[in-house]
Amino acid sequence: MEFCPQCKSMMMPSGGMMKCRKCGFEKEKTKKIIEKKEFKEREITVLEGDEAAGLPTIKVKCEECGNKTAYWWLRQLRSADESETRFFRCTKCGRTWREYD
């Protein structure tokens, strides 16, 4: 989008020129160079061993085994304007559940 240097109105393409709709000022079109970016495939690192290693823990009761500690994490499941969903996994029995609002 270009604006007229004289009256600050928006300029519109007209033939090979840009022309101001308000005052009639004309100038040559400028070529916009759009940078082409190439995206590389992302590498995924899989950690072997304890799948919950590095996850934070919280004191919450597991309804299945009664254990009072669980790992937790957040995931965006719905659209970006809605809140994230919190998941829990019992440190003892491995049961996974989510927190509902």
PDB file of N, CA and C in Angstrom:
ATOM      1  N   MET A   1       0.840  -1.159   0.000  1.00  0.00           N
ATOM      2  CA  MET A   1       0.000   0.000   0.000  1.00  0.00           C
ATOM      3  C   MET A   1       0.893   1.233   0.000  1.00  0.00           C
ATOM      4  N   GLU A   2       0.593   2.136  -0.873  1.00  0.00           N
ATOM      5  CA  GLU A   2       1.383   3.379  -0.931  1.00  0.00           C
ATOM      6  C   GLU A   2       0.467   4.564  -0.689  1.00  0.00           C
ATOM      7  N   PHE A   3       1.075   5.619  -0.134  1.00  0.00           N
ATOM      8  CA  PHE A   3       0.324   6.825   0.161  1.00  0.00           C
ATOM      9  C   PHE A   3       0.955   8.005  -0.561  1.00  0.00           C
ATOM     10  N   CYS A   4       0.124   8.945  -0.945  1.00  0.00           N
ATOM     11  CA  CYS A   4       0.540  10.131  -1.680  1.00  0.00           C
ATOM     12  C   CYS A   4       1.445  11.001  -0.799  1.00  0.00           C
ATOM     13  N   PRO A   5       2.616  11.416  -1.321  1.00  0.00           N
ATOM     14  CA  PRO A   5       3.507  12.267  -0.536  1.00  0.00           C
ATOM     15  C   PRO A   5       2.964  13.691  -0.362  1.00  0.00           C
ATOM     16  N   GLN A   6       1.998  14.089  -1.187  1.00  0.00           N
ATOM     17  CA  GLN A   6       1.461  15.444  -1.105  1.00  0.00           C
ATOM     18  C   GLN A   6       0.271  15.546  -0.158  1.00  0.00           C
ATOM     19  N   CYS A   7      -0.750  14.671  -0.338  1.00  0.00           N
ATOM     20  CA  CYS A   7      -1.978  14.811   0.459  1.00  0.00           C
ATOM     21  C   CYS A   7      -2.213  13.641   1.415  1.00  0.00           C
ATOM     22  N   LYS A   8      -1.316  12.658   1.383  1.00  0.00           N
ATOM     23  CA  LYS A   8      -1.376  11.491   2.276  1.00  0.00           C
ATOM     24  C   LYS A   8      -2.553  10.545   2.018  1.00  0.00           C
ATOM     25  N   SER A   9      -3.236  10.675   0.894  1.00  0.00           N
ATOM     26  CA  SER A   9      -4.309   9.749   0.530  1.00  0.00           C
ATOM     27  C   SER A   9      -3.700   8.472  -0.039  1.00  0.00           C
ATOM     28  N   MET A  10      -4.484   7.422  -0.090  1.00  0.00           N
ATOM     29  CA  MET A  10      -4.002   6.163  -0.626  1.00  0.00           C
ATOM     30  C   MET A  10      -3.896   6.257  -2.142  1.00  0.00           C
ATOM     31  N   MET A  11      -2.769   5.760  -2.670  1.00  0.00           N
ATOM     32  CA  MET A  11      -2.563   5.767  -4.112  1.00  0.00           C
ATOM     33  C   MET A  11      -3.021   4.437  -4.682  1.00  0.00           C
ATOM     34  N   MET A  12      -3.573   4.474  -5.903  1.00  0.00           N
ATOM     35  CA  MET A  12      -4.100   3.297  -6.564  1.00  0.00           C
ATOM     36  C   MET A  12      -3.331   3.054  -7.859  1.00  0.00           C
ATOM     37  N   PRO A  13      -3.194   1.777  -8.263  1.00  0.00           N
ATOM     38  CA  PRO A  13      -2.512   1.498  -9.524  1.00  0.00           C
ATOM     39  C   PRO A  13      -3.353   1.971 -10.715  1.00  0.00           C
ATOM     40  N   SER A  14      -2.662   2.544 -11.675  1.00  0.00           N
ATOM     41  CA  SER A  14      -3.320   3.025 -12.890  1.00  0.00           C
ATOM     42  C   SER A  14      -2.346   2.834 -14.036  1.00  0.00           C
ATOM     43  N   GLY A  15      -2.544   1.758 -14.831  1.00  0.00           N
ATOM     44  CA  GLY A  15      -1.585   1.436 -15.890  1.00  0.00           C
ATOM     45  C   GLY A  15      -0.281   1.017 -15.249  1.00  0.00           C
ATOM     46  N   GLY A  16       0.826   1.652 -15.653  1.00  0.00           N
ATOM     47  CA  GLY A  16       2.140   1.371 -15.082  1.00  0.00           C
ATOM     48  C   GLY A  16       2.505   2.364 -13.992  1.00  0.00           C
ATOM     49  N   MET A  17       1.532   3.132 -13.541  1.00  0.00           N
ATOM     50  CA  MET A  17       1.790   4.191 -12.561  1.00  0.00           C
ATOM     51  C   MET A  17       0.944   3.971 -11.306  1.00  0.00           C
ATOM     52  N   MET A  18       1.293   4.699 -10.265  1.00  0.00           N
ATOM     53  CA  MET A  18       0.465   4.789  -9.067  1.00  0.00           C
ATOM     54  C   MET A  18      -0.111   6.193  -9.061  1.00  0.00           C
ATOM     55  N   LYS A  19      -1.431   6.314  -8.877  1.00  0.00           N
ATOM     56  CA  LYS A  19      -2.088   7.616  -8.972  1.00  0.00           C
ATOM     57  C   LYS A  19      -2.902   7.879  -7.717  1.00  0.00           C
ATOM     58  N   CYS A  20      -2.793   9.107  -7.205  1.00  0.00           N
ATOM     59  CA  CYS A  20      -3.564   9.513  -6.044  1.00  0.00           C
ATOM     60  C   CYS A  20      -4.988   9.823  -6.488  1.00  0.00           C
ATOM     61  N   ARG A  21      -5.961   9.247  -5.776  1.00  0.00           N
ATOM     62  CA  ARG A  21      -7.368   9.476  -6.133  1.00  0.00           C
ATOM     63  C   ARG A  21      -7.831  10.871  -5.755  1.00  0.00           C
ATOM     64  N   LYS A  22      -7.149  11.481  -4.802  1.00  0.00           N
ATOM     65  CA  LYS A  22      -7.598  12.783  -4.300  1.00  0.00           C
ATOM     66  C   LYS A  22      -6.997  13.950  -5.080  1.00  0.00           C
ATOM     67  N   CYS A  23      -5.647  13.986  -5.160  1.00  0.00           N
ATOM     68  CA  CYS A  23      -5.013  15.152  -5.795  1.00  0.00           C
ATOM     69  C   CYS A  23      -4.469  14.873  -7.189  1.00  0.00           C
ATOM     70  N   GLY A  24      -4.433  13.596  -7.628  1.00  0.00           N
ATOM     71  CA  GLY A  24      -3.979  13.263  -8.972  1.00  0.00           C
ATOM     72  C   GLY A  24      -2.477  13.062  -9.109  1.00  0.00           C
ATOM     73  N   PHE A  25      -1.713  13.152  -8.026  1.00  0.00           N
ATOM     74  CA  PHE A  25      -0.271  12.944  -8.073  1.00  0.00           C
ATOM     75  C   PHE A  25       0.015  11.558  -8.651  1.00  0.00           C
ATOM     76  N   GLU A  26       1.037  11.475  -9.544  1.00  0.00           N
ATOM     77  CA  GLU A  26       1.385  10.202 -10.161  1.00  0.00           C
ATOM     78  C   GLU A  26       2.864   9.903  -9.957  1.00  0.00           C
ATOM     79  N   LYS A  27       3.165   8.627  -9.828  1.00  0.00           N
ATOM     80  CA  LYS A  27       4.564   8.184  -9.786  1.00  0.00           C
ATOM     81  C   LYS A  27       4.627   6.765 -10.314  1.00  0.00           C
ATOM     82  N   GLU A  28       5.841   6.327 -10.700  1.00  0.00           N
ATOM     83  CA  GLU A  28       6.015   4.972 -11.214  1.00  0.00           C
ATOM     84  C   GLU A  28       5.795   3.960 -10.104  1.00  0.00           C
ATOM     85  N   LYS A  29       5.288   2.797 -10.530  1.00  0.00           N
ATOM     86  CA  LYS A  29       5.101   1.714  -9.558  1.00  0.00           C
ATOM     87  C   LYS A  29       6.451   1.253  -9.047  1.00  0.00           C
ATOM     88  N   THR A  30       6.511   0.971  -7.784  1.00  0.00           N
ATOM     89  CA  THR A  30       7.729   0.394  -7.226  1.00  0.00           C
ATOM     90  C   THR A  30       7.515  -1.107  -7.104  1.00  0.00           C
ATOM     91  N   LYS A  31       8.540  -1.848  -7.408  1.00  0.00           N
ATOM     92  CA  LYS A  31       8.442  -3.305  -7.325  1.00  0.00           C
ATOM     93  C   LYS A  31       8.719  -3.732  -5.895  1.00  0.00           C
ATOM     94  N   LYS A  32       7.837  -4.526  -5.396  1.00  0.00           N
ATOM     95  CA  LYS A  32       8.039  -5.073  -4.064  1.00  0.00           C
ATOM     96  C   LYS A  32       8.710  -6.427  -4.215  1.00  0.00           C
ATOM     97  N   ILE A  33       9.749  -6.622  -3.460  1.00  0.00           N
ATOM     98  CA  ILE A  33      10.444  -7.901  -3.484  1.00  0.00           C
ATOM     99  C   ILE A  33       9.960  -8.703  -2.294  1.00  0.00           C
ATOM    100  N   ILE A  34       9.402  -9.834  -2.585  1.00  0.00           N
ATOM    101  CA  ILE A  34       8.921 -10.712  -1.528  1.00  0.00           C
ATOM    102  C   ILE A  34       9.975 -11.779  -1.304  1.00  0.00           C
ATOM    103  N   GLU A  35      10.437 -11.847  -0.084  1.00  0.00           N
ATOM    104  CA  GLU A  35      11.486 -12.800   0.250  1.00  0.00           C
ATOM    105  C   GLU A  35      10.897 -14.201   0.355  1.00  0.00           C
ATOM    106  N   LYS A  36      11.509 -15.103  -0.325  1.00  0.00           N
ATOM    107  CA  LYS A  36      11.054 -16.485  -0.293  1.00  0.00           C
ATOM    108  C   LYS A  36      11.834 -17.211   0.786  1.00  0.00           C
ATOM    109  N   LYS A  37      11.107 -17.791   1.715  1.00  0.00           N
ATOM    110  CA  LYS A  37      11.749 -18.528   2.788  1.00  0.00           C
ATOM    111  C   LYS A  37      11.455 -20.002   2.602  1.00  0.00           C
ATOM    112  N   GLU A  38      12.466 -20.791   2.773  1.00  0.00           N
ATOM    113  CA  GLU A  38      12.283 -22.229   2.692  1.00  0.00           C
ATOM    114  C   GLU A  38      12.255 -22.781   4.101  1.00  0.00           C
ATOM    115  N   PHE A  39      11.338 -23.655   4.348  1.00  0.00           N
ATOM    116  CA  PHE A  39      11.200 -24.227   5.673  1.00  0.00           C
ATOM    117  C   PHE A  39      11.815 -25.614   5.693  1.00  0.00           C
ATOM    118  N   LYS A  40      12.600 -25.833   6.720  1.00  0.00           N
ATOM    119  CA  LYS A  40      13.221 -27.140   6.897  1.00  0.00           C
ATOM    120  C   LYS A  40      12.307 -28.010   7.732  1.00  0.00           C
ATOM    121  N   GLU A  41      12.448 -29.310   7.531  1.00  0.00           N
ATOM    122  CA  GLU A  41      11.700 -30.233   8.379  1.00  0.00           C
ATOM    123  C   GLU A  41      12.293 -30.161   9.778  1.00  0.00           C
ATOM    124  N   ARG A  42      11.409 -30.197  10.765  1.00  0.00           N
ATOM    125  CA  ARG A  42      11.875 -30.132  12.141  1.00  0.00           C
ATOM    126  C   ARG A  42      12.265 -31.520  12.630  1.00  0.00           C
ATOM    127  N   GLU A  43      13.307 -31.554  13.430  1.00  0.00           N
ATOM    128  CA  GLU A  43      13.724 -32.803  14.046  1.00  0.00           C
ATOM    129  C   GLU A  43      13.004 -32.979  15.356  1.00  0.00           C
ATOM    130  N   ILE A  44      12.590 -34.179  15.635  1.00  0.00           N
ATOM    131  CA  ILE A  44      11.945 -34.486  16.905  1.00  0.00           C
ATOM    132  C   ILE A  44      12.872 -35.395  17.684  1.00  0.00           C
ATOM    133  N   THR A  45      13.162 -34.993  18.913  1.00  0.00           N
ATOM    134  CA  THR A  45      14.019 -35.800  19.764  1.00  0.00           C
ATOM    135  C   THR A  45      13.147 -36.644  20.675  1.00  0.00           C
ATOM    136  N   VAL A  46      13.374 -37.923  20.659  1.00  0.00           N
ATOM    137  CA  VAL A  46      12.626 -38.833  21.514  1.00  0.00           C
ATOM    138  C   VAL A  46      13.529 -39.232  22.666  1.00  0.00           C
ATOM    139  N   LEU A  47      13.070 -38.965  23.876  1.00  0.00           N
ATOM    140  CA  LEU A  47      13.834 -39.336  25.051  1.00  0.00           C
ATOM    141  C   LEU A  47      13.456 -40.738  25.455  1.00  0.00           C
ATOM    142  N   GLU A  48      14.446 -41.570  25.593  1.00  0.00           N
ATOM    143  CA  GLU A  48      14.174 -42.940  25.996  1.00  0.00           C
ATOM    144  C   GLU A  48      14.171 -43.021  27.520  1.00  0.00           C
ATOM    145  N   GLY A  49      13.455 -43.996  28.029  1.00  0.00           N
ATOM    146  CA  GLY A  49      13.393 -44.176  29.476  1.00  0.00           C
ATOM    147  C   GLY A  49      12.082 -43.653  30.008  1.00  0.00           C
ATOM    148  N   ASP A  50      12.127 -42.976  31.140  1.00  0.00           N
ATOM    149  CA  ASP A  50      10.926 -42.475  31.801  1.00  0.00           C
ATOM    150  C   ASP A  50      10.278 -41.386  30.956  1.00  0.00           C
ATOM    151  N   GLU A  51       9.069 -41.649  30.462  1.00  0.00           N
ATOM    152  CA  GLU A  51       8.391 -40.695  29.576  1.00  0.00           C
ATOM    153  C   GLU A  51       8.005 -39.403  30.280  1.00  0.00           C
ATOM    154  N   ALA A  52       7.882 -39.433  31.603  1.00  0.00           N
ATOM    155  CA  ALA A  52       7.475 -38.248  32.347  1.00  0.00           C
ATOM    156  C   ALA A  52       8.673 -37.466  32.879  1.00  0.00           C
ATOM    157  N   ALA A  53       9.881 -37.871  32.549  1.00  0.00           N
ATOM    158  CA  ALA A  53      11.073 -37.179  33.039  1.00  0.00           C
ATOM    159  C   ALA A  53      11.032 -35.718  32.607  1.00  0.00           C
ATOM    160  N   GLY A  54      11.221 -34.844  33.545  1.00  0.00           N
ATOM    161  CA  GLY A  54      11.239 -33.415  33.243  1.00  0.00           C
ATOM    162  C   GLY A  54       9.898 -32.728  33.397  1.00  0.00           C
ATOM    163  N   LEU A  55       8.812 -33.475  33.576  1.00  0.00           N
ATOM    164  CA  LEU A  55       7.508 -32.845  33.779  1.00  0.00           C
ATOM    165  C   LEU A  55       7.372 -32.398  35.228  1.00  0.00           C
ATOM    166  N   PRO A  56       6.719 -31.269  35.463  1.00  0.00           N
ATOM    167  CA  PRO A  56       6.504 -30.830  36.838  1.00  0.00           C
ATOM    168  C   PRO A  56       5.458 -31.706  37.533  1.00  0.00           C
ATOM    169  N   THR A  57       5.490 -31.722  38.861  1.00  0.00           N
ATOM    170  CA  THR A  57       4.501 -32.488  39.623  1.00  0.00           C
ATOM    171  C   THR A  57       3.642 -31.545  40.450  1.00  0.00           C
ATOM    172  N   ILE A  58       2.482 -32.051  40.842  1.00  0.00           N
ATOM    173  CA  ILE A  58       1.536 -31.284  41.636  1.00  0.00           C
ATOM    174  C   ILE A  58       0.862 -32.246  42.614  1.00  0.00           C
ATOM    175  N   LYS A  59       0.416 -31.700  43.739  1.00  0.00           N
ATOM    176  CA  LYS A  59      -0.315 -32.530  44.705  1.00  0.00           C
ATOM    177  C   LYS A  59      -1.784 -32.542  44.297  1.00  0.00           C
ATOM    178  N   VAL A  60      -2.221 -33.690  43.806  1.00  0.00           N
ATOM    179  CA  VAL A  60      -3.603 -33.897  43.400  1.00  0.00           C
ATOM    180  C   VAL A  60      -3.898 -35.385  43.570  1.00  0.00           C
ATOM    181  N   LYS A  61      -5.095 -35.721  43.999  1.00  0.00           N
ATOM    182  CA  LYS A  61      -5.421 -37.107  44.295  1.00  0.00           C
ATOM    183  C   LYS A  61      -5.866 -37.854  43.035  1.00  0.00           C
ATOM    184  N   CYS A  62      -5.252 -39.013  42.822  1.00  0.00           N
ATOM    185  CA  CYS A  62      -5.649 -39.908  41.732  1.00  0.00           C
ATOM    186  C   CYS A  62      -6.872 -40.681  42.196  1.00  0.00           C
ATOM    187  N   GLU A  63      -7.947 -40.620  41.438  1.00  0.00           N
ATOM    188  CA  GLU A  63      -9.199 -41.304  41.797  1.00  0.00           C
ATOM    189  C   GLU A  63      -9.085 -42.819  41.693  1.00  0.00           C
ATOM    190  N   GLU A  64      -8.094 -43.301  40.948  1.00  0.00           N
ATOM    191  CA  GLU A  64      -7.961 -44.743  40.748  1.00  0.00           C
ATOM    192  C   GLU A  64      -7.184 -45.429  41.874  1.00  0.00           C
ATOM    193  N   CYS A  65      -6.034 -44.868  42.254  1.00  0.00           N
ATOM    194  CA  CYS A  65      -5.196 -45.553  43.252  1.00  0.00           C
ATOM    195  C   CYS A  65      -5.031 -44.784  44.561  1.00  0.00           C
ATOM    196  N   GLY A  66      -5.504 -43.528  44.612  1.00  0.00           N
ATOM    197  CA  GLY A  66      -5.409 -42.743  45.838  1.00  0.00           C
ATOM    198  C   GLY A  66      -4.088 -42.021  46.023  1.00  0.00           C
ATOM    199  N   ASN A  67      -3.150 -42.210  45.114  1.00  0.00           N
ATOM    200  CA  ASN A  67      -1.864 -41.505  45.178  1.00  0.00           C
ATOM    201  C   ASN A  67      -2.115 -39.997  45.143  1.00  0.00           C
ATOM    202  N   LYS A  68      -1.268 -39.224  45.818  1.00  0.00           N
ATOM    203  CA  LYS A  68      -1.514 -37.785  45.916  1.00  0.00           C
ATOM    204  C   LYS A  68      -0.542 -36.928  45.105  1.00  0.00           C
ATOM    205  N   THR A  69       0.204 -37.523  44.164  1.00  0.00           N
ATOM    206  CA  THR A  69       1.134 -36.768  43.326  1.00  0.00           C
ATOM    207  C   THR A  69       0.934 -37.164  41.869  1.00  0.00           C
ATOM    208  N   ALA A  70       0.947 -36.143  40.998  1.00  0.00           N
ATOM    209  CA  ALA A  70       0.775 -36.398  39.566  1.00  0.00           C
ATOM    210  C   ALA A  70       1.650 -35.443  38.766  1.00  0.00           C
ATOM    211  N   TYR A  71       2.082 -35.898  37.604  1.00  0.00           N
ATOM    212  CA  TYR A  71       2.741 -35.013  36.645  1.00  0.00           C
ATOM    213  C   TYR A  71       1.643 -34.180  35.979  1.00  0.00           C
ATOM    214  N   TRP A  72       1.982 -33.003  35.477  1.00  0.00           N
ATOM    215  CA  TRP A  72       0.981 -32.208  34.768  1.00  0.00           C
ATOM    216  C   TRP A  72       1.633 -31.503  33.579  1.00  0.00           C
ATOM    217  N   TRP A  73       0.814 -31.206  32.556  1.00  0.00           N
ATOM    218  CA  TRP A  73       1.236 -30.452  31.379  1.00  0.00           C
ATOM    219  C   TRP A  73       0.026 -29.799  30.755  1.00  0.00           C
ATOM    220  N   LEU A  74       0.276 -28.796  29.898  1.00  0.00           N
ATOM    221  CA  LEU A  74      -0.786 -28.053  29.216  1.00  0.00           C
ATOM    222  C   LEU A  74      -0.757 -28.349  27.727  1.00  0.00           C
ATOM    223  N   ARG A  75      -1.931 -28.405  27.104  1.00  0.00           N
ATOM    224  CA  ARG A  75      -2.063 -28.583  25.655  1.00  0.00           C
ATOM    225  C   ARG A  75      -3.156 -27.655  25.143  1.00  0.00           C
ATOM    226  N   GLN A  76      -2.912 -27.064  23.981  1.00  0.00           N
ATOM    227  CA  GLN A  76      -3.916 -26.237  23.309  1.00  0.00           C
ATOM    228  C   GLN A  76      -4.722 -27.164  22.416  1.00  0.00           C
ATOM    229  N   LEU A  77      -5.927 -27.531  22.821  1.00  0.00           N
ATOM    230  CA  LEU A  77      -6.731 -28.487  22.062  1.00  0.00           C
ATOM    231  C   LEU A  77      -7.750 -27.812  21.160  1.00  0.00           C
ATOM    232  N   ARG A  78      -8.242 -26.668  21.574  1.00  0.00           N
ATOM    233  CA  ARG A  78      -9.266 -25.975  20.792  1.00  0.00           C
ATOM    234  C   ARG A  78      -8.637 -24.788  20.095  1.00  0.00           C
ATOM    235  N   SER A  79      -9.431 -23.847  19.674  1.00  0.00           N
ATOM    236  CA  SER A  79      -8.899 -22.686  18.968  1.00  0.00           C
ATOM    237  C   SER A  79      -8.058 -21.825  19.912  1.00  0.00           C
ATOM    238  N   ALA A  80      -7.224 -20.987  19.334  1.00  0.00           N
ATOM    239  CA  ALA A  80      -6.257 -20.206  20.104  1.00  0.00           C
ATOM    240  C   ALA A  80      -6.902 -19.225  21.076  1.00  0.00           C
ATOM    241  N   ASP A  81      -8.150 -18.845  20.854  1.00  0.00           N
ATOM    242  CA  ASP A  81      -8.780 -17.889  21.763  1.00  0.00           C
ATOM    243  C   ASP A  81      -9.429 -18.564  22.973  1.00  0.00           C
ATOM    244  N   GLU A  82      -9.303 -19.867  23.082  1.00  0.00           N
ATOM    245  CA  GLU A  82      -9.818 -20.589  24.241  1.00  0.00           C
ATOM    246  C   GLU A  82      -8.652 -21.061  25.104  1.00  0.00           C
ATOM    247  N   SER A  83      -8.908 -21.269  26.373  1.00  0.00           N
ATOM    248  CA  SER A  83      -7.839 -21.626  27.297  1.00  0.00           C
ATOM    249  C   SER A  83      -7.282 -23.023  27.021  1.00  0.00           C
ATOM    250  N   GLU A  84      -6.060 -23.229  27.511  1.00  0.00           N
ATOM    251  CA  GLU A  84      -5.418 -24.529  27.366  1.00  0.00           C
ATOM    252  C   GLU A  84      -6.056 -25.539  28.312  1.00  0.00           C
ATOM    253  N   THR A  85      -5.858 -26.808  28.028  1.00  0.00           N
ATOM    254  CA  THR A  85      -6.368 -27.880  28.876  1.00  0.00           C
ATOM    255  C   THR A  85      -5.206 -28.449  29.674  1.00  0.00           C
ATOM    256  N   ARG A  86      -5.413 -28.626  30.982  1.00  0.00           N
ATOM    257  CA  ARG A  86      -4.370 -29.188  31.829  1.00  0.00           C
ATOM    258  C   ARG A  86      -4.597 -30.682  31.992  1.00  0.00           C
ATOM    259  N   PHE A  87      -3.534 -31.453  31.751  1.00  0.00           N
ATOM    260  CA  PHE A  87      -3.566 -32.902  31.892  1.00  0.00           C
ATOM    261  C   PHE A  87      -2.751 -33.316  33.105  1.00  0.00           C
ATOM    262  N   PHE A  88      -3.165 -34.427  33.718  1.00  0.00           N
ATOM    263  CA  PHE A  88      -2.460 -34.992  34.859  1.00  0.00           C
ATOM    264  C   PHE A  88      -2.168 -36.450  34.577  1.00  0.00           C
ATOM    265  N   ARG A  89      -1.035 -36.962  35.092  1.00  0.00           N
ATOM    266  CA  ARG A  89      -0.718 -38.389  35.033  1.00  0.00           C
ATOM    267  C   ARG A  89      -0.190 -38.798  36.402  1.00  0.00           C
ATOM    268  N   CYS A  90      -0.851 -39.771  36.993  1.00  0.00           N
ATOM    269  CA  CYS A  90      -0.480 -40.264  38.317  1.00  0.00           C
ATOM    270  C   CYS A  90       0.954 -40.795  38.293  1.00  0.00           C
ATOM    271  N   THR A  91       1.744 -40.424  39.295  1.00  0.00           N
ATOM    272  CA  THR A  91       3.132 -40.875  39.358  1.00  0.00           C
ATOM    273  C   THR A  91       3.240 -42.339  39.778  1.00  0.00           C
ATOM    274  N   LYS A  92       2.147 -42.886  40.335  1.00  0.00           N
ATOM    275  CA  LYS A  92       2.173 -44.280  40.812  1.00  0.00           C
ATOM    276  C   LYS A  92       1.593 -45.247  39.779  1.00  0.00           C
ATOM    277  N   CYS A  93       0.330 -45.039  39.376  1.00  0.00           N
ATOM    278  CA  CYS A  93      -0.338 -46.006  38.489  1.00  0.00           C
ATOM    279  C   CYS A  93      -0.334 -45.605  37.016  1.00  0.00           C
ATOM    280  N   GLY A  94       0.005 -44.341  36.707  1.00  0.00           N
ATOM    281  CA  GLY A  94       0.079 -43.901  35.316  1.00  0.00           C
ATOM    282  C   GLY A  94      -1.242 -43.461  34.710  1.00  0.00           C
ATOM    283  N   ARG A  95      -2.324 -43.440  35.500  1.00  0.00           N
ATOM    284  CA  ARG A  95      -3.635 -42.991  34.992  1.00  0.00           C
ATOM    285  C   ARG A  95      -3.524 -41.533  34.533  1.00  0.00           C
ATOM    286  N   THR A  96      -4.096 -41.233  33.381  1.00  0.00           N
ATOM    287  CA  THR A  96      -4.081 -39.873  32.846  1.00  0.00           C
ATOM    288  C   THR A  96      -5.494 -39.325  32.803  1.00  0.00           C
ATOM    289  N   TRP A  97      -5.658 -38.068  33.244  1.00  0.00           N
ATOM    290  CA  TRP A  97      -6.952 -37.398  33.191  1.00  0.00           C
ATOM    291  C   TRP A  97      -6.739 -35.921  32.930  1.00  0.00           C
ATOM    292  N   ARG A  98      -7.812 -35.240  32.606  1.00  0.00           N
ATOM    293  CA  ARG A  98      -7.724 -33.812  32.314  1.00  0.00           C
ATOM    294  C   ARG A  98      -8.567 -33.015  33.296  1.00  0.00           C
ATOM    295  N   GLU A  99      -8.207 -31.754  33.430  1.00  0.00           N
ATOM    296  CA  GLU A  99      -8.940 -30.825  34.276  1.00  0.00           C
ATOM    297  C   GLU A  99      -9.986 -30.121  33.420  1.00  0.00           C
ATOM    298  N   TYR A 100     -11.216 -30.160  33.833  1.00  0.00           N
ATOM    299  CA  TYR A 100     -12.281 -29.481  33.100  1.00  0.00           C
ATOM    300  C   TYR A 100     -12.611 -28.166  33.786  1.00  0.00           C
ATOM    301  N   ASP A 101     -12.923 -27.153  32.965  1.00  0.00           N
ATOM    302  CA  ASP A 101     -13.293 -25.836  33.532  1.00  0.00           C
ATOM    303  C   ASP A 101     -14.719 -25.838  33.986  1.00  0.00           C
TER     304      ASP A 101
END
